[in-house]
Protein backbone atom coordinates (compact mmCIF):
# COMPACT_ATOMS: atom_id res chain seq x y z
CA MET A 1 -37.02 2.47 -1.50
CA GLU A 2 -39.74 2.75 -4.24
CA SER A 3 -38.84 6.24 -4.51
CA LEU A 4 -35.25 5.49 -5.06
CA ILE A 5 -35.91 2.75 -7.70
CA THR A 6 -38.39 5.04 -9.38
CA LYS A 7 -36.38 8.27 -9.82
CA SER A 8 -33.22 6.56 -10.42
CA ALA A 9 -34.89 4.15 -13.30
CA GLY A 10 -33.62 1.37 -11.83
CA HIS A 11 -30.24 2.38 -12.67
CA PRO A 12 -28.39 0.09 -10.25
CA TYR A 13 -25.16 2.37 -9.88
CA VAL A 14 -27.38 5.44 -9.63
CA ILE A 15 -29.25 3.78 -6.99
CA LYS A 16 -25.91 3.23 -4.91
CA MET A 17 -24.94 6.74 -5.17
CA LEU A 18 -28.05 8.06 -4.06
CA LEU A 19 -27.57 5.79 -0.85
CA GLY A 20 -24.33 7.39 -0.54
CA GLU A 21 -25.76 10.16 -0.87
CA ILE A 22 -28.15 9.66 1.98
CA ALA A 23 -25.66 8.25 4.47
CA ARG A 24 -23.79 11.18 4.41
CA ASN A 25 -26.51 13.74 4.55
CA PRO A 26 -29.82 12.02 5.50
CA THR A 27 -32.02 15.00 5.69
CA SER A 28 -31.06 17.07 2.39
CA SER A 29 -30.15 13.95 0.25
CA LYS A 30 -33.81 12.70 0.76
CA ARG A 31 -35.29 16.00 -0.19
CA ASP A 32 -33.13 16.56 -3.12
CA ILE A 33 -33.67 13.27 -4.83
CA PRO A 34 -36.55 13.81 -7.25
CA GLN A 35 -34.58 17.23 -8.25
CA LEU A 36 -31.19 14.99 -8.88
CA VAL A 37 -32.50 12.64 -10.99
CA ALA A 38 -35.79 13.39 -12.62
CA GLY A 39 -36.04 13.65 -16.57
CA SER A 40 -32.13 13.85 -16.86
CA ASP A 41 -30.24 11.89 -19.64
CA ASP A 42 -27.01 12.94 -17.46
CA VAL A 43 -28.11 11.62 -14.63
CA LEU A 44 -24.43 9.84 -13.59
CA ASP A 45 -22.59 13.26 -14.47
CA ALA A 46 -24.94 15.52 -12.73
CA LEU A 47 -24.49 13.25 -9.42
CA PHE A 48 -20.61 12.94 -9.90
CA GLN A 49 -20.35 16.73 -10.40
CA ARG A 50 -22.58 16.88 -7.17
CA THR A 51 -20.43 14.34 -5.12
CA TYR A 52 -17.11 15.32 -6.72
CA THR A 53 -17.87 19.34 -5.36
CA SER A 54 -18.76 17.99 -2.14
CA LEU A 55 -15.50 16.22 -1.51
CA SER A 56 -12.62 17.87 0.44
CA LEU A 57 -9.61 18.80 -1.74
CA CYS A 58 -7.37 16.01 -0.47
CA ALA A 59 -10.53 13.47 -1.20
CA GLN A 60 -10.43 15.22 -4.78
CA ARG A 61 -6.87 14.57 -5.46
CA ALA A 62 -7.24 10.95 -3.95
CA PHE A 63 -10.28 10.48 -6.98
CA LEU A 64 -7.92 11.80 -9.81
CA THR A 65 -5.18 9.77 -8.81
CA LEU A 66 -7.08 6.63 -8.67
CA SER A 67 -8.68 7.82 -12.02
CA ASN A 68 -5.27 8.74 -13.58
CA TRP A 69 -4.36 4.83 -12.69
CA SER A 70 -7.03 2.09 -14.43
CA SER A 71 -6.04 -0.42 -12.15
CA PRO A 72 -6.99 -1.53 -8.56
CA VAL A 73 -4.63 -0.24 -6.14
CA ALA A 74 -3.92 -1.32 -2.72
CA ARG A 75 -5.58 0.64 -0.20
CA VAL A 76 -2.34 0.82 2.19
CA ALA A 77 -0.61 1.69 -1.18
CA LEU A 78 -2.57 4.75 -2.03
CA GLU A 79 -2.52 6.01 1.55
CA ALA A 80 1.33 5.85 1.28
CA VAL A 81 1.93 7.21 -1.78
CA LEU A 82 -0.96 10.53 -0.39
CA ILE A 83 0.70 10.54 3.02
CA ASN A 84 3.94 11.17 1.16
CA SER A 85 2.93 13.43 -1.16
CA THR A 86 0.58 15.88 1.08
CA LEU A 87 2.08 15.40 4.50
CA GLU A 88 -1.63 14.91 5.85
CA PRO A 89 -1.87 11.40 7.20
CA GLN A 90 -5.29 11.88 8.89
CA GLU A 91 -6.84 13.37 6.02
CA VAL A 92 -6.09 11.18 3.76
CA GLU A 93 -7.73 8.26 5.42
CA LYS A 94 -10.79 10.49 5.58
CA SER A 95 -10.77 11.17 2.45
CA ILE A 96 -10.42 7.53 1.21
CA GLU A 97 -13.43 7.04 3.57
CA ALA A 98 -15.46 9.60 1.90
CA LEU A 99 -15.00 8.14 -1.41
CA LEU A 100 -16.22 4.73 -0.15
CA GLN A 101 -18.99 6.02 1.56
CA TYR A 102 -20.23 8.20 -1.46
CA SER A 103 -19.64 5.26 -3.79
CA ILE A 104 -17.79 7.24 -6.01
CA ALA A 105 -15.19 4.39 -5.03
CA GLU A 106 -15.30 1.00 -4.09
CA THR A 107 -13.29 -1.92 -2.59
CA ILE A 108 -12.85 -5.42 -3.12
CA SER A 109 -10.64 -8.06 -1.15
CA SER A 110 -7.65 -9.35 -2.16
CA PRO A 111 -8.11 -13.43 -2.32
CA HIS A 112 -4.79 -14.31 -1.02
CA ASP A 113 -4.38 -12.01 1.98
CA ASN A 114 -7.78 -10.33 2.38
CA GLN A 115 -6.19 -6.89 2.16
CA ASP A 116 -8.30 -3.91 0.73
CA LEU A 117 -8.02 -2.94 -2.84
CA ILE A 118 -9.81 0.13 -4.25
CA ARG A 119 -10.63 0.77 -7.67
CA LEU A 120 -13.32 2.93 -9.78
CA PRO A 121 -16.24 2.01 -11.49
CA ILE A 122 -15.85 2.33 -15.04
CA VAL A 123 -17.92 5.50 -15.40
CA ALA A 124 -16.15 7.24 -12.27
CA THR A 125 -13.02 6.53 -14.09
CA ILE A 126 -14.43 8.53 -17.21
CA PHE A 127 -15.33 11.44 -15.09
CA GLY A 128 -12.26 11.61 -12.95
CA LYS A 129 -10.41 11.78 -16.30
CA LYS A 130 -12.38 14.73 -17.71
CA LYS A 131 -11.86 16.46 -14.17
CA LEU A 132 -8.08 15.62 -14.33
CA SER A 133 -7.53 17.36 -17.22
CA VAL A 134 -8.32 21.16 -16.00
CA SER A 135 -7.23 19.99 -12.42
CA PRO A 136 -4.28 22.48 -10.67
CA PHE A 137 -3.53 19.23 -9.01
CA ARG A 138 -2.51 17.28 -12.48
CA ALA A 139 1.51 17.52 -12.35
CA LYS A 140 1.31 16.19 -8.57
CA ILE A 141 -1.16 13.51 -9.80
CA SER A 142 0.76 12.14 -12.43
CA ALA A 143 4.10 12.09 -10.05
CA ASP A 144 2.08 9.96 -7.62
CA SER A 145 0.85 7.85 -10.13
CA ARG A 146 3.89 7.03 -11.68
CA ILE A 147 4.88 5.48 -8.34
CA LEU A 148 1.67 3.56 -7.82
CA GLN A 149 2.44 2.03 -11.09
CA ARG A 150 6.06 0.49 -9.42
CA PHE A 151 3.21 -1.63 -7.41
CA GLY A 152 2.09 -3.41 -10.97
CA VAL A 153 -1.05 -3.56 -12.60
CA VAL A 154 -3.52 -5.47 -10.74
CA ARG A 155 -5.90 -8.27 -11.90
CA ASP A 156 -8.82 -8.53 -9.33
CA ASP A 157 -9.91 -11.89 -10.05
CA ASP A 158 -5.89 -13.09 -9.80
CA PRO A 159 -5.96 -15.90 -7.14
CA SER A 160 -2.17 -15.21 -6.20
CA LEU A 161 -2.54 -11.09 -5.81
CA GLY A 162 -1.62 -9.98 -2.40
CA ILE A 163 -0.24 -7.03 -1.13
CA GLU A 164 3.25 -9.11 -0.53
CA ARG A 165 3.30 -9.45 -3.97
CA LEU A 166 2.62 -5.38 -4.72
CA ILE A 167 5.17 -4.67 -2.44
CA ASP A 168 7.77 -6.97 -3.85
CA ASN A 169 7.23 -5.74 -7.53
CA PHE A 170 7.69 -2.08 -5.82
CA MET A 171 10.98 -3.02 -3.80
CA ARG A 172 12.12 -4.73 -7.33
CA ASN A 173 11.11 -1.66 -9.52
CA LEU A 174 12.63 0.30 -7.34
CA ALA A 175 15.90 -1.57 -7.40
CA LYS A 176 15.66 -1.11 -11.30
CA ASP A 177 15.25 2.70 -11.32
CA GLU A 178 16.89 5.16 -9.00
CA THR A 179 14.06 7.99 -9.83
CA GLY A 180 12.79 9.55 -6.69
CA ARG A 181 14.28 6.16 -4.66
CA GLU A 182 14.29 8.62 -1.37
CA ALA A 183 10.35 9.33 -1.66
CA CYS A 184 9.59 5.58 -2.54
CA LEU A 185 11.91 4.44 0.28
CA SER A 186 9.83 6.84 2.37
CA ILE A 187 6.68 5.20 1.10
CA ALA A 188 7.98 1.84 1.55
CA GLU A 189 8.10 2.65 5.41
CA ILE A 190 4.71 4.18 5.92
CA ILE A 191 3.67 1.01 4.23
CA SER A 192 5.31 -1.28 6.65
CA ARG A 193 3.82 0.87 9.58
CA ARG A 194 0.75 -0.65 8.25
CA TYR A 195 1.51 -3.97 6.99
CA ASN A 196 4.16 -5.40 9.17
CA ARG A 197 5.77 -7.59 6.87
CA GLY A 198 6.87 -4.39 4.78
CA TRP A 199 9.85 -4.46 7.01
CA HIS A 200 11.03 -7.64 5.85
CA HIS A 201 10.71 -6.39 2.33
CA LEU A 202 12.54 -3.34 3.04
CA ALA A 203 15.39 -5.21 5.04
CA ASN A 204 15.91 -7.45 2.23
CA TRP A 205 16.05 -4.40 -0.30
CA TYR A 206 18.85 -3.13 1.82
CA VAL A 207 20.79 -6.09 2.03
CA ASP A 208 20.75 -6.82 -1.62
CA GLN A 209 22.29 -3.25 -1.88
CA ALA A 210 24.87 -3.91 0.57
CA GLU A 211 25.91 -6.90 -1.42
CA SER A 212 25.57 -4.80 -4.89
CA ALA A 213 27.67 -1.87 -3.42
CA ASP A 214 30.86 -0.22 -5.14
CA THR A 215 31.68 1.33 -2.10
CA ASN A 216 33.75 0.45 1.28
CA GLN A 217 31.33 2.55 3.48
CA ALA A 218 28.19 2.06 1.40
CA PRO A 219 27.68 -1.62 2.53
CA ILE A 220 27.57 -0.65 6.29
CA VAL A 221 25.29 1.99 5.96
CA TYR A 222 22.81 -0.23 3.85
CA PHE A 223 23.76 -3.27 6.44
CA LYS A 224 22.46 -0.85 9.23
CA LYS A 225 19.19 0.19 7.47
CA ALA A 226 18.54 -3.41 7.21
CA LYS A 227 18.92 -4.17 10.66
CA GLY A 228 16.73 -1.42 11.57
CA ALA A 229 13.81 -2.46 9.11
CA VAL A 230 14.25 -6.04 10.50
CA GLU A 231 14.17 -5.56 13.80
CA GLN A 232 10.86 -3.44 13.40
CA PHE A 233 9.11 -6.08 11.54
CA LEU A 234 10.30 -8.88 14.55
CA GLU A 235 9.49 -5.88 17.32
CA ASN A 236 5.42 -6.04 15.84
CA SER A 237 5.43 -9.91 14.25
CA ALA A 238 3.43 -10.74 17.32
CA GLY A 239 0.46 -13.43 15.66
CA ASP A 240 2.32 -13.58 12.56
CA GLN A 241 3.18 -16.83 10.80
CA ALA A 242 6.25 -18.83 12.69
CA THR A 243 8.02 -19.33 9.13
CA LYS A 244 7.89 -15.70 8.94
CA ILE A 245 9.42 -14.75 12.20
CA ALA A 246 11.78 -17.42 11.77
CA GLU A 247 12.89 -15.83 8.47
CA GLY A 248 13.26 -12.67 10.19
CA TRP A 249 15.78 -13.90 12.97
CA HIS A 250 17.68 -15.73 9.92
CA LEU A 251 17.95 -12.36 7.93
CA LEU A 252 19.14 -10.65 11.49
CA GLY A 253 21.62 -13.31 11.91
CA LYS A 254 23.17 -12.69 8.58
CA ILE A 255 23.02 -9.26 8.97
CA SER A 256 24.55 -9.24 12.23
CA TYR A 257 27.25 -11.48 11.10
CA LYS A 258 27.99 -9.03 8.10
CA LEU A 259 28.12 -6.19 10.81
CA ASN A 260 30.83 -7.86 12.86
CA ASP A 261 28.72 -9.10 15.39
CA PRO A 262 28.91 -12.56 15.91
CA LEU A 263 27.47 -12.52 19.22
CA GLY A 264 24.02 -10.97 18.15
CA ALA A 265 24.03 -13.38 14.92
CA VAL A 266 24.33 -16.34 17.47
CA HIS A 267 21.39 -14.96 19.21
CA ALA A 268 19.15 -14.24 16.11
CA TYR A 269 20.01 -18.11 15.34
CA ILE A 270 19.09 -19.46 18.60
CA GLU A 271 16.09 -17.59 18.57
CA LYS A 272 15.17 -18.68 15.35
CA ALA A 273 15.29 -22.20 16.62
CA ASN A 274 12.79 -21.11 19.39
CA VAL A 275 10.40 -20.34 16.50
CA VAL A 276 10.76 -23.19 14.14
CA ASN A 277 12.52 -26.83 14.46
CA VAL A 278 16.09 -26.23 13.73
CA THR A 279 18.59 -29.37 13.85
CA TYR A 280 21.31 -29.12 16.21
CA TRP A 281 23.98 -29.59 14.12
CA GLU A 282 22.59 -26.57 11.83
CA ILE A 283 22.95 -24.33 15.08
CA SER A 284 26.14 -25.79 16.36
CA ARG A 285 27.36 -25.37 12.45
CA LEU A 286 26.73 -21.80 12.68
CA CYS A 287 27.82 -20.59 16.07
CA ALA A 288 31.37 -22.34 15.45
CA VAL A 289 31.63 -20.62 11.79
CA MET A 290 31.07 -17.46 13.49
CA LEU A 291 32.84 -17.45 16.49
CA SER A 292 35.84 -18.50 14.48
CA ASN A 293 35.56 -16.22 11.47
CA PRO A 294 34.07 -12.74 12.65
CA HIS A 295 34.75 -11.20 9.05
CA PRO A 296 32.99 -13.67 6.45
CA ARG A 297 32.32 -13.22 2.90
């Protein structure tokens, strides 16, 4: 401990990075500490260069992506974007862990739902931007960064910040801009597999698309996709808030009704009644309307 403080001149971030080095390589890092920091005015550059060189290509790409978008990023969003781009889910997860272990990146917890957000310290961002300017991954990283920007700028002191709000931003921006829509929908599905409520947002997006579609065939396709998404949400909603589960059943009822499946809609609304208190009048009214009019507007 005394050696670390002395050799780092007490610089907090240098100490943090050196501890990351020791955690990753206990023997060699202890031996190299004096050599790394003694008498150098460019301690951080030296440490970043050493750490950056030791990273895998996927971890380098994750680091450069973070440095190219100067805002905290929801971890599930970063993972989804990189998985969609690299098609290496296990490598992406290991790469992000490496960035955190080396202290080249850090996590903060969302005050709203305790989801992890990842950010780079300012000195890491500056180093990353220099590396990005000569990186062969630059074009792909720029494309990934544009997708991350769809989640919106994050302020880590925002008490209302949460992954649901970021997903909502993402889906609203997707509705406004069709650029790269298929890739973005794939990313939304990857996020939903890690954060179940994402399926609910995705289902709502498909319903909105169906209700605004111009052709006769497109609404059916969108409603079927919406049904698949909300069913995924309900299948994995154990332990979620009752109000959220009830919203899922209500949405499934609406979608089933639109797909000319009144019995499926009745079932969904009854399941909703089993989750939250619903008046007998509401249930009987819905059943009567659906059974008498299977083609609603």
